[in-house]
């Protein structure tokens, strides 16, 4: 009889299954990264609470221009002056090249500010609004119109500032340029009319 134990048959001690710490760590990191990205995206999309007056402020330049077209006797001159103001605003923006404030948002999804419109100095909305108010006031001398026009211009400035599309200096310069252009256009309108009459 062989009394020497067979070492090949000695059972080896059982080692418990250890969890795959590498996979767990990777999964945890993945979840953490996903949550971080999601949180960052939600934070960057800070939506502004839209108020009814925001729509009034956005469309005030169009409203004021439409009132001018319907009330002024020389509609063609007024429309030409509006176009000149738009061109001047674009030239100033491209020359000054001051960017809009960080975190700008838009009222409409189709608003797209590229090329010279990526710059904010001076505000085009404020310039066109104040031009219409100034020009119509000097042409007609109506205090009631002046009050309504100033109110609509203020609504425009509030909307542009609330949505961070313009800073206060950009809005102030826009108002100054538009008001000055309105007065200068009022002074020059008789000359325009005289020149037109001479060619007719």
C-alpha atoms as a PDB file:
ATOM      1  CA  UNK A   1       0.000   0.000   0.000  1.00  0.00           C
ATOM      2  CA  UNK A   2       1.306   3.360  -0.942  1.00  0.00           C
ATOM      3  CA  UNK A   3       1.141   5.580   2.150  1.00  0.00           C
ATOM      4  CA  UNK A   4       2.569   8.680   0.472  1.00  0.00           C
ATOM      5  CA  UNK A   5      -0.259  10.988  -0.518  1.00  0.00           C
ATOM      6  CA  UNK A   6      -0.568  11.925  -4.078  1.00  0.00           C
ATOM      7  CA  UNK A   7       0.113  15.631  -4.274  1.00  0.00           C
ATOM      8  CA  UNK A   8      -1.654  15.895  -7.594  1.00  0.00           C
ATOM      9  CA  UNK A   9      -4.985  15.082  -5.962  1.00  0.00           C
ATOM     10  CA  UNK A  10      -4.713  17.627  -3.138  1.00  0.00           C
ATOM     11  CA  UNK A  11      -7.536  20.147  -3.687  1.00  0.00           C
ATOM     12  CA  UNK A  12      -6.483  23.701  -4.154  1.00  0.00           C
ATOM     13  CA  UNK A  13      -8.094  26.311  -1.929  1.00  0.00           C
ATOM     14  CA  UNK A  14     -11.106  28.051  -3.456  1.00  0.00           C
ATOM     15  CA  UNK A  15     -10.575  31.702  -4.283  1.00  0.00           C
ATOM     16  CA  UNK A  16     -13.742  33.786  -4.396  1.00  0.00           C
ATOM     17  CA  UNK A  17     -14.599  35.615  -7.591  1.00  0.00           C
ATOM     18  CA  UNK A  18     -13.465  39.233  -7.303  1.00  0.00           C
ATOM     19  CA  UNK A  19     -15.461  41.868  -9.141  1.00  0.00           C
ATOM     20  CA  UNK A  20     -13.865  43.467 -12.152  1.00  0.00           C
ATOM     21  CA  UNK A  21     -12.832  46.729 -10.608  1.00  0.00           C
ATOM     22  CA  UNK A  22     -11.518  48.020 -13.925  1.00  0.00           C
ATOM     23  CA  UNK A  23     -14.889  47.695 -15.662  1.00  0.00           C
ATOM     24  CA  UNK A  24     -16.702  49.161 -12.663  1.00  0.00           C
ATOM     25  CA  UNK A  25     -14.350  52.094 -12.591  1.00  0.00           C
ATOM     26  CA  UNK A  26     -14.740  52.684 -16.324  1.00  0.00           C
ATOM     27  CA  UNK A  27     -18.529  52.504 -16.043  1.00  0.00           C
ATOM     28  CA  UNK A  28     -18.517  54.936 -13.146  1.00  0.00           C
ATOM     29  CA  UNK A  29     -16.284  57.331 -15.039  1.00  0.00           C
ATOM     30  CA  UNK A  30     -18.509  57.087 -18.101  1.00  0.00           C
ATOM     31  CA  UNK A  31     -21.640  57.842 -16.087  1.00  0.00           C
ATOM     32  CA  UNK A  32     -19.890  60.687 -14.315  1.00  0.00           C
ATOM     33  CA  UNK A  33     -18.678  62.171 -17.611  1.00  0.00           C
ATOM     34  CA  UNK A  34     -22.146  61.860 -19.163  1.00  0.00           C
ATOM     35  CA  UNK A  35     -23.729  63.577 -16.195  1.00  0.00           C
ATOM     36  CA  UNK A  36     -21.127  66.327 -16.325  1.00  0.00           C
ATOM     37  CA  UNK A  37     -21.723  66.948 -20.049  1.00  0.00           C
ATOM     38  CA  UNK A  38     -25.470  66.933 -19.515  1.00  0.00           C
ATOM     39  CA  UNK A  39     -25.215  69.379 -16.647  1.00  0.00           C
ATOM     40  CA  UNK A  40     -22.899  71.643 -18.627  1.00  0.00           C
ATOM     41  CA  UNK A  41     -25.248  71.646 -21.615  1.00  0.00           C
ATOM     42  CA  UNK A  42     -28.230  72.502 -19.436  1.00  0.00           C
ATOM     43  CA  UNK A  43     -26.299  75.297 -17.771  1.00  0.00           C
ATOM     44  CA  UNK A  44     -25.179  76.832 -21.065  1.00  0.00           C
ATOM     45  CA  UNK A  45     -28.741  76.910 -22.415  1.00  0.00           C
ATOM     46  CA  UNK A  46     -30.026  79.582 -20.077  1.00  0.00           C
ATOM     47  CA  UNK A  47     -33.387  80.514 -21.555  1.00  0.00           C
ATOM     48  CA  UNK A  48     -34.826  83.941 -20.842  1.00  0.00           C
ATOM     49  CA  UNK A  49     -38.423  84.197 -19.765  1.00  0.00           C
ATOM     50  CA  UNK A  50     -40.103  85.777 -22.788  1.00  0.00           C
ATOM     51  CA  UNK A  51     -42.581  88.550 -22.018  1.00  0.00           C
ATOM     52  CA  UNK A  52     -45.243  89.986 -24.378  1.00  0.00           C
ATOM     53  CA  UNK A  53     -43.436  93.345 -24.399  1.00  0.00           C
ATOM     54  CA  UNK A  54     -40.339  91.594 -25.802  1.00  0.00           C
ATOM     55  CA  UNK A  55     -42.206  91.106 -29.080  1.00  0.00           C
ATOM     56  CA  UNK A  56     -43.234  94.756 -29.062  1.00  0.00           C
ATOM     57  CA  UNK A  57     -39.618  95.779 -28.458  1.00  0.00           C
ATOM     58  CA  UNK A  58     -38.314  93.571 -31.256  1.00  0.00           C
ATOM     59  CA  UNK A  59     -40.779  94.906 -33.835  1.00  0.00           C
ATOM     60  CA  UNK A  60     -40.774  98.555 -32.698  1.00  0.00           C
ATOM     61  CA  UNK A  61     -38.367  99.692 -35.472  1.00  0.00           C
ATOM     62  CA  UNK A  62     -40.749  98.243 -38.070  1.00  0.00           C
ATOM     63  CA  UNK A  63     -43.784  99.760 -36.339  1.00  0.00           C
ATOM     64  CA  UNK A  64     -42.172 103.195 -36.164  1.00  0.00           C
ATOM     65  CA  UNK A  65     -41.027 103.039 -39.786  1.00  0.00           C
ATOM     66  CA  UNK A  66     -44.514 101.988 -40.892  1.00  0.00           C
ATOM     67  CA  UNK A  67     -46.058 104.924 -39.032  1.00  0.00           C
ATOM     68  CA  UNK A  68     -43.623 107.240 -40.775  1.00  0.00           C
ATOM     69  CA  UNK A  69     -44.416 105.798 -44.204  1.00  0.00           C
ATOM     70  CA  UNK A  70     -48.166 106.247 -43.604  1.00  0.00           C
ATOM     71  CA  UNK A  71     -47.954 109.797 -42.220  1.00  0.00           C
ATOM     72  CA  UNK A  72     -45.146 111.553 -44.088  1.00  0.00           C
ATOM     73  CA  UNK A  73     -45.926 113.239 -47.413  1.00  0.00           C
ATOM     74  CA  UNK A  74     -42.613 112.300 -49.033  1.00  0.00           C
ATOM     75  CA  UNK A  75     -42.651 108.545 -48.503  1.00  0.00           C
ATOM     76  CA  UNK A  76     -39.893 107.830 -51.017  1.00  0.00           C
ATOM     77  CA  UNK A  77     -37.464 110.128 -49.213  1.00  0.00           C
ATOM     78  CA  UNK A  78     -38.229 108.544 -45.848  1.00  0.00           C
ATOM     79  CA  UNK A  79     -37.712 105.020 -47.204  1.00  0.00           C
ATOM     80  CA  UNK A  80     -34.429 106.100 -48.798  1.00  0.00           C
ATOM     81  CA  UNK A  81     -33.300 107.582 -45.471  1.00  0.00           C
ATOM     82  CA  UNK A  82     -34.160 104.335 -43.685  1.00  0.00           C
ATOM     83  CA  UNK A  83     -32.009 102.400 -46.140  1.00  0.00           C
ATOM     84  CA  UNK A  84     -29.163 104.899 -45.655  1.00  0.00           C
ATOM     85  CA  UNK A  85     -29.417 104.390 -41.885  1.00  0.00           C
ATOM     86  CA  UNK A  86     -29.197 100.621 -42.291  1.00  0.00           C
ATOM     87  CA  UNK A  87     -26.095 100.989 -44.451  1.00  0.00           C
ATOM     88  CA  UNK A  88     -24.496 103.406 -41.979  1.00  0.00           C
ATOM     89  CA  UNK A  89     -25.180 100.989 -39.132  1.00  0.00           C
ATOM     90  CA  UNK A  90     -23.535  98.103 -40.978  1.00  0.00           C
ATOM     91  CA  UNK A  91     -20.506 100.240 -41.863  1.00  0.00           C
ATOM     92  CA  UNK A  92     -20.092 101.360 -38.248  1.00  0.00           C
ATOM     93  CA  UNK A  93     -20.363  97.803 -36.954  1.00  0.00           C
ATOM     94  CA  UNK A  94     -17.753  96.560 -39.383  1.00  0.00           C
ATOM     95  CA  UNK A  95     -15.469  99.498 -38.584  1.00  0.00           C
ATOM     96  CA  UNK A  96     -15.766  99.433 -34.787  1.00  0.00           C
ATOM     97  CA  UNK A  97     -15.936  95.618 -34.581  1.00  0.00           C
ATOM     98  CA  UNK A  98     -17.142  95.520 -30.994  1.00  0.00           C
ATOM     99  CA  UNK A  99     -18.689  92.081 -30.281  1.00  0.00           C
ATOM    100  CA  UNK A 100     -22.086  91.552 -28.773  1.00  0.00           C
ATOM    101  CA  UNK A 101     -22.232  90.659 -25.059  1.00  0.00           C
ATOM    102  CA  UNK A 102     -21.493  87.054 -24.096  1.00  0.00           C
ATOM    103  CA  UNK A 103     -24.464  84.735 -23.716  1.00  0.00           C
ATOM    104  CA  UNK A 104     -26.618  86.441 -26.324  1.00  0.00           C
ATOM    105  CA  UNK A 105     -29.989  84.819 -26.994  1.00  0.00           C
ATOM    106  CA  UNK A 106     -32.580  85.405 -29.682  1.00  0.00           C
ATOM    107  CA  UNK A 107     -36.325  85.893 -29.577  1.00  0.00           C
ATOM    108  CA  UNK A 108     -36.881  83.989 -32.826  1.00  0.00           C
ATOM    109  CA  UNK A 109     -35.098  80.848 -34.011  1.00  0.00           C
ATOM    110  CA  UNK A 110     -34.477  82.344 -37.451  1.00  0.00           C
ATOM    111  CA  UNK A 111     -32.420  85.251 -36.106  1.00  0.00           C
ATOM    112  CA  UNK A 112     -28.917  84.784 -37.446  1.00  0.00           C
ATOM    113  CA  UNK A 113     -26.200  87.317 -36.701  1.00  0.00           C
ATOM    114  CA  UNK A 114     -23.273  86.777 -39.053  1.00  0.00           C
ATOM    115  CA  UNK A 115     -20.741  88.906 -40.926  1.00  0.00           C
ATOM    116  CA  UNK A 116     -20.988  92.508 -39.694  1.00  0.00           C
ATOM    117  CA  UNK A 117     -24.109  91.620 -37.688  1.00  0.00           C
ATOM    118  CA  UNK A 118     -21.987  89.587 -35.281  1.00  0.00           C
ATOM    119  CA  UNK A 119     -20.880  92.956 -33.889  1.00  0.00           C
ATOM    120  CA  UNK A 120     -23.064  95.044 -31.637  1.00  0.00           C
ATOM    121  CA  UNK A 121     -21.761  98.626 -31.783  1.00  0.00           C
ATOM    122  CA  UNK A 122     -24.003 100.470 -32.448  1.00  0.00           C
ATOM    123  CA  UNK A 123     -27.390  98.807 -32.016  1.00  0.00           C
ATOM    124  CA  UNK A 124     -29.283  98.738 -35.301  1.00  0.00           C
ATOM    125  CA  UNK A 125     -32.673  98.387 -33.599  1.00  0.00           C
ATOM    126  CA  UNK A 126     -32.003 101.408 -31.377  1.00  0.00           C
ATOM    127  CA  UNK A 127     -30.651 103.442 -34.298  1.00  0.00           C
ATOM    128  CA  UNK A 128     -33.598 102.822 -36.613  1.00  0.00           C
ATOM    129  CA  UNK A 129     -36.159 103.406 -33.850  1.00  0.00           C
ATOM    130  CA  UNK A 130     -34.625 106.680 -32.708  1.00  0.00           C
ATOM    131  CA  UNK A 131     -34.188 107.833 -36.314  1.00  0.00           C
ATOM    132  CA  UNK A 132     -37.895 107.395 -37.057  1.00  0.00           C
ATOM    133  CA  UNK A 133     -38.878 109.112 -33.819  1.00  0.00           C
ATOM    134  CA  UNK A 134     -36.496 112.033 -34.367  1.00  0.00           C
ATOM    135  CA  UNK A 135     -37.307 112.547 -38.037  1.00  0.00           C
ATOM    136  CA  UNK A 136     -41.091 112.388 -37.598  1.00  0.00           C
ATOM    137  CA  UNK A 137     -40.974 114.698 -34.600  1.00  0.00           C
ATOM    138  CA  UNK A 138     -38.967 117.363 -36.418  1.00  0.00           C
ATOM    139  CA  UNK A 139     -41.128 117.037 -39.516  1.00  0.00           C
ATOM    140  CA  UNK A 140     -44.492 117.174 -37.719  1.00  0.00           C
ATOM    141  CA  UNK A 141     -43.757 118.665 -34.284  1.00  0.00           C
ATOM    142  CA  UNK A 142     -46.167 116.316 -32.501  1.00  0.00           C
ATOM    143  CA  UNK A 143     -45.527 115.886 -28.761  1.00  0.00           C
ATOM    144  CA  UNK A 144     -47.934 112.929 -28.647  1.00  0.00           C
ATOM    145  CA  UNK A 145     -45.934 111.190 -31.361  1.00  0.00           C
ATOM    146  CA  UNK A 146     -42.716 111.941 -29.496  1.00  0.00           C
ATOM    147  CA  UNK A 147     -44.048 110.292 -26.309  1.00  0.00           C
ATOM    148  CA  UNK A 148     -45.243 107.195 -28.176  1.00  0.00           C
ATOM    149  CA  UNK A 149     -41.994 106.982 -30.118  1.00  0.00           C
ATOM    150  CA  UNK A 150     -39.835 107.256 -27.010  1.00  0.00           C
ATOM    151  CA  UNK A 151     -41.896 104.543 -25.320  1.00  0.00           C
ATOM    152  CA  UNK A 152     -41.443 102.155 -28.255  1.00  0.00           C
ATOM    153  CA  UNK A 153     -37.717 102.935 -28.424  1.00  0.00           C
ATOM    154  CA  UNK A 154     -37.369 102.153 -24.712  1.00  0.00           C
ATOM    155  CA  UNK A 155     -39.156  98.840 -25.266  1.00  0.00           C
ATOM    156  CA  UNK A 156     -36.679  98.063 -28.037  1.00  0.00           C
ATOM    157  CA  UNK A 157     -33.686  98.836 -25.835  1.00  0.00           C
ATOM    158  CA  UNK A 158     -35.047  96.740 -22.964  1.00  0.00           C
ATOM    159  CA  UNK A 159     -35.588  93.747 -25.250  1.00  0.00           C
ATOM    160  CA  UNK A 160     -32.123  93.992 -26.791  1.00  0.00           C
ATOM    161  CA  UNK A 161     -30.519  94.370 -23.357  1.00  0.00           C
ATOM    162  CA  UNK A 162     -32.521  91.571 -21.717  1.00  0.00           C
ATOM    163  CA  UNK A 163     -31.509  89.112 -24.428  1.00  0.00           C
ATOM    164  CA  UNK A 164     -27.877  90.265 -24.154  1.00  0.00           C
ATOM    165  CA  UNK A 165     -27.808  91.240 -27.811  1.00  0.00           C
ATOM    166  CA  UNK A 166     -26.451  94.677 -26.949  1.00  0.00           C
ATOM    167  CA  UNK A 167     -24.735  96.360 -24.042  1.00  0.00           C
ATOM    168  CA  UNK A 168     -25.972  99.670 -22.643  1.00  0.00           C
ATOM    169  CA  UNK A 169     -23.203 101.660 -24.413  1.00  0.00           C
ATOM    170  CA  UNK A 170     -24.101  99.974 -27.721  1.00  0.00           C
ATOM    171  CA  UNK A 171     -27.745 100.941 -27.248  1.00  0.00           C
ATOM    172  CA  UNK A 172     -26.827 104.497 -26.210  1.00  0.00           C
ATOM    173  CA  UNK A 173     -24.641 105.013 -29.283  1.00  0.00           C
ATOM    174  CA  UNK A 174     -27.393 103.586 -31.489  1.00  0.00           C
ATOM    175  CA  UNK A 175     -29.883 106.092 -30.066  1.00  0.00           C
ATOM    176  CA  UNK A 176     -27.408 108.948 -30.508  1.00  0.00           C
ATOM    177  CA  UNK A 177     -26.618 108.066 -34.132  1.00  0.00           C
ATOM    178  CA  UNK A 178     -30.285 107.565 -35.033  1.00  0.00           C
ATOM    179  CA  UNK A 179     -31.402 110.808 -33.362  1.00  0.00           C
ATOM    180  CA  UNK A 180     -28.628 112.787 -35.054  1.00  0.00           C
ATOM    181  CA  UNK A 181     -29.450 111.261 -38.428  1.00  0.00           C
ATOM    182  CA  UNK A 182     -33.105 112.145 -37.913  1.00  0.00           C
ATOM    183  CA  UNK A 183     -32.325 115.794 -37.260  1.00  0.00           C
ATOM    184  CA  UNK A 184     -29.804 116.046 -40.102  1.00  0.00           C
ATOM    185  CA  UNK A 185     -32.285 114.421 -42.462  1.00  0.00           C
ATOM    186  CA  UNK A 186     -34.949 116.902 -41.379  1.00  0.00           C
ATOM    187  CA  UNK A 187     -32.601 119.770 -42.203  1.00  0.00           C
ATOM    188  CA  UNK A 188     -31.640 118.223 -45.530  1.00  0.00           C
ATOM    189  CA  UNK A 189     -35.120 117.180 -46.658  1.00  0.00           C
ATOM    190  CA  UNK A 190     -36.018 120.556 -48.243  1.00  0.00           C
ATOM    191  CA  UNK A 191     -32.775 120.370 -50.206  1.00  0.00           C
ATOM    192  CA  UNK A 192     -33.637 116.820 -51.311  1.00  0.00           C
ATOM    193  CA  UNK A 193     -37.084 117.936 -52.409  1.00  0.00           C
ATOM    194  CA  UNK A 194     -35.697 120.946 -54.251  1.00  0.00           C
ATOM    195  CA  UNK A 195     -33.186 118.778 -56.081  1.00  0.00           C
ATOM    196  CA  UNK A 196     -35.899 116.339 -57.064  1.00  0.00           C
ATOM    197  CA  UNK A 197     -38.144 119.154 -58.325  1.00  0.00           C
ATOM    198  CA  UNK A 198     -35.312 120.524 -60.427  1.00  0.00           C
ATOM    199  CA  UNK A 199     -34.915 117.186 -62.204  1.00  0.00           C
ATOM    200  CA  UNK A 200     -38.634 116.792 -62.836  1.00  0.00           C
END
